[in-house]
Amino acid sequence: MKRTFILCLLGFILFSGCVTTMASDRSINESMLNFLPYLNQKVAGYLSENKVTSLDANGYKEIVNAVCSPLPSCGKNAETMFRTYTVGARMLDGMFSVMLCDKEGEIKKMEDFSCNEEKVEIPNFEIDSNARCEFEVKWEEKIRPFCPEFKRVH
């Protein structure tokens, strides 16, 4: 009886730890759904003001540090983003996209395009939790419903 109780208690503790980790990951992903479009507005302004024509992960991180350094909450959220995810960035036809993957760089969590200031266009963690960490190939098709200026131009 005592042994069964201890095994049940141990199982409960282990299960609780797993649930807490999953909930924590989901909470960070959901907070990035709000933060990433806000951050990318700032990055887009920097790119435009400084006539930047190419972008990669290192350049993106430098720009984020520049635009977030005067704002404590922005800096804290950016720090969380870089600590939690592998971050990729690329330029696309006058805009850019930022991809967040798990730290191992295997599972894509989301990809945000700079054409919509209010929404992460591809929240993979909600749609396909096993998506490979690769930039979206059919990005034009995926973002068309979310990017009004893209509808008019293309």
Protein backbone atom coordinates (compact mmCIF):
# COMPACT_ATOMS: atom_id res chain seq x y z
CA MET A 1 0.00 0.00 0.00
CA LYS A 2 2.74 2.40 0.98
CA ARG A 3 4.75 1.46 -2.10
CA THR A 4 1.76 2.06 -4.40
CA PHE A 5 1.19 5.45 -2.83
CA ILE A 6 4.85 6.43 -3.32
CA LEU A 7 4.79 5.26 -6.95
CA CYS A 8 1.60 7.23 -7.62
CA LEU A 9 3.04 10.32 -5.96
CA LEU A 10 6.28 10.02 -7.95
CA GLY A 11 4.31 9.56 -11.19
CA PHE A 12 2.20 12.63 -10.41
CA ILE A 13 5.29 14.75 -9.73
CA LEU A 14 6.99 13.65 -12.97
CA PHE A 15 3.81 14.21 -15.00
CA SER A 16 3.33 17.67 -13.46
CA GLY A 17 6.87 18.62 -14.47
CA CYS A 18 6.20 17.64 -18.10
CA VAL A 19 2.92 19.54 -18.22
CA THR A 20 4.57 22.63 -16.73
CA THR A 21 7.33 22.54 -19.38
CA MET A 22 4.80 22.15 -22.21
CA ALA A 23 2.66 24.97 -20.81
CA SER A 24 5.72 27.19 -20.43
CA ASP A 25 6.80 26.56 -24.06
CA ARG A 26 3.29 27.32 -25.30
CA SER A 27 3.17 30.49 -23.20
CA ILE A 28 6.47 31.75 -24.69
CA ASN A 29 5.27 30.91 -28.21
CA GLU A 30 2.03 32.79 -27.61
CA SER A 31 3.84 35.82 -26.21
CA MET A 32 6.03 35.87 -29.35
CA LEU A 33 2.85 36.05 -31.46
CA ASN A 34 2.36 39.50 -29.92
CA PHE A 35 5.98 40.60 -29.63
CA LEU A 36 7.35 39.60 -33.04
CA PRO A 37 5.09 41.83 -35.19
CA TYR A 38 5.82 44.77 -32.84
CA LEU A 39 9.55 44.10 -33.01
CA ASN A 40 9.52 43.68 -36.77
CA GLN A 41 7.83 47.09 -37.18
CA LYS A 42 10.88 48.57 -35.47
CA VAL A 43 13.25 46.47 -37.57
CA ALA A 44 11.43 47.50 -40.78
CA GLY A 45 11.84 51.16 -39.83
CA TYR A 46 15.55 50.63 -39.21
CA LEU A 47 15.98 48.81 -42.53
CA SER A 48 14.21 51.60 -44.41
CA GLU A 49 16.00 54.44 -42.62
CA ASN A 50 19.43 52.85 -43.07
CA LYS A 51 18.84 51.54 -46.61
CA VAL A 52 19.71 47.96 -45.62
CA THR A 53 19.30 45.59 -48.59
CA SER A 54 20.35 42.23 -47.17
CA LEU A 55 19.47 40.48 -43.94
CA ASP A 56 20.53 37.32 -42.15
CA ALA A 57 20.29 36.05 -38.58
CA ASN A 58 23.37 37.95 -37.37
CA GLY A 59 22.30 41.21 -39.01
CA TYR A 60 18.80 40.81 -37.59
CA LYS A 61 20.18 40.34 -34.08
CA GLU A 62 22.35 43.47 -34.40
CA ILE A 63 19.37 45.51 -35.59
CA VAL A 64 17.16 44.15 -32.79
CA ASN A 65 19.80 45.15 -30.25
CA ALA A 66 19.95 48.64 -31.77
CA VAL A 67 16.17 49.21 -31.83
CA CYS A 68 15.45 47.57 -28.47
CA SER A 69 18.31 48.91 -26.36
CA PRO A 70 16.50 52.14 -25.37
CA LEU A 71 13.34 50.22 -24.38
CA PRO A 72 13.69 47.89 -21.35
CA SER A 73 10.63 45.73 -22.08
CA CYS A 74 11.61 45.35 -25.74
CA GLY A 75 15.14 44.38 -24.73
CA LYS A 76 13.88 41.84 -22.21
CA ASN A 77 11.51 40.23 -24.74
CA ALA A 78 14.22 40.18 -27.41
CA GLU A 79 16.60 38.54 -24.97
CA THR A 80 13.98 35.88 -24.24
CA MET A 81 13.47 35.34 -27.97
CA PHE A 82 17.17 34.82 -28.69
CA ARG A 83 17.61 32.64 -25.61
CA THR A 84 14.60 30.44 -26.45
CA TYR A 85 14.79 30.10 -30.23
CA THR A 86 17.16 29.69 -33.15
CA VAL A 87 16.37 32.79 -35.21
CA GLY A 88 16.61 33.05 -38.99
CA ALA A 89 15.99 36.12 -41.16
CA ARG A 90 15.83 36.83 -44.90
CA MET A 91 14.92 39.61 -47.33
CA LEU A 92 12.01 39.05 -49.75
CA ASP A 93 10.81 41.43 -52.47
CA GLY A 94 10.98 44.62 -50.43
CA MET A 95 10.10 43.01 -47.11
CA PHE A 96 11.65 40.43 -44.81
CA SER A 97 10.70 37.38 -42.81
CA VAL A 98 11.88 36.11 -39.45
CA MET A 99 11.67 32.44 -38.53
CA LEU A 100 11.79 31.11 -34.98
CA CYS A 101 12.76 27.48 -34.45
CA ASP A 102 13.49 25.39 -31.38
CA LYS A 103 17.02 25.75 -30.00
CA GLU A 104 18.14 22.57 -31.75
CA GLY A 105 17.10 24.16 -35.05
CA GLU A 106 14.89 21.25 -36.02
CA ILE A 107 11.26 22.33 -35.39
CA LYS A 108 9.89 25.57 -36.82
CA LYS A 109 7.70 27.42 -34.31
CA MET A 110 6.65 30.39 -36.47
CA GLU A 111 7.55 32.68 -39.34
CA ASP A 112 6.62 36.35 -39.42
CA PHE A 113 6.61 38.54 -42.52
CA SER A 114 7.06 42.29 -42.21
CA CYS A 115 4.02 43.06 -44.38
CA ASN A 116 1.52 42.78 -41.51
CA GLU A 117 2.08 44.76 -38.32
CA GLU A 118 -0.51 42.90 -36.28
CA LYS A 119 -0.06 39.21 -36.98
CA VAL A 120 2.47 36.41 -37.23
CA GLU A 121 1.37 34.95 -40.55
CA ILE A 122 2.61 31.39 -40.04
CA PRO A 123 2.25 30.21 -36.41
CA ASN A 124 3.53 26.66 -36.98
CA PHE A 125 3.30 25.66 -33.32
CA GLU A 126 -0.50 26.00 -33.69
CA ILE A 127 -0.78 24.47 -37.17
CA ASP A 128 1.96 21.83 -37.54
CA SER A 129 3.99 21.10 -34.44
CA ASN A 130 6.45 18.98 -36.46
CA ALA A 131 7.27 21.52 -39.18
CA ARG A 132 10.92 21.45 -40.23
CA CYS A 133 13.02 24.50 -39.48
CA GLU A 134 13.03 25.86 -43.02
CA PHE A 135 11.88 29.15 -44.49
CA GLU A 136 8.48 28.95 -46.14
CA VAL A 137 8.93 28.17 -49.86
CA LYS A 138 5.36 29.09 -50.90
CA TRP A 139 5.45 32.28 -48.85
CA GLU A 140 3.55 34.40 -51.40
CA GLU A 141 0.58 32.07 -51.23
CA LYS A 142 0.69 31.85 -47.43
CA ILE A 143 0.85 35.59 -46.72
CA ARG A 144 -1.55 36.88 -49.40
CA PRO A 145 -4.61 36.80 -47.06
CA PHE A 146 -2.75 38.75 -44.36
CA CYS A 147 -0.88 41.38 -46.35
CA PRO A 148 -3.14 43.93 -48.09
CA GLU A 149 -0.33 45.69 -49.97
CA PHE A 150 0.90 42.33 -51.25
CA LYS A 151 -2.56 41.60 -52.72
CA ARG A 152 -2.46 44.81 -54.75
CA VAL A 153 1.11 44.50 -56.03
CA HIS A 154 1.20 40.82 -57.01
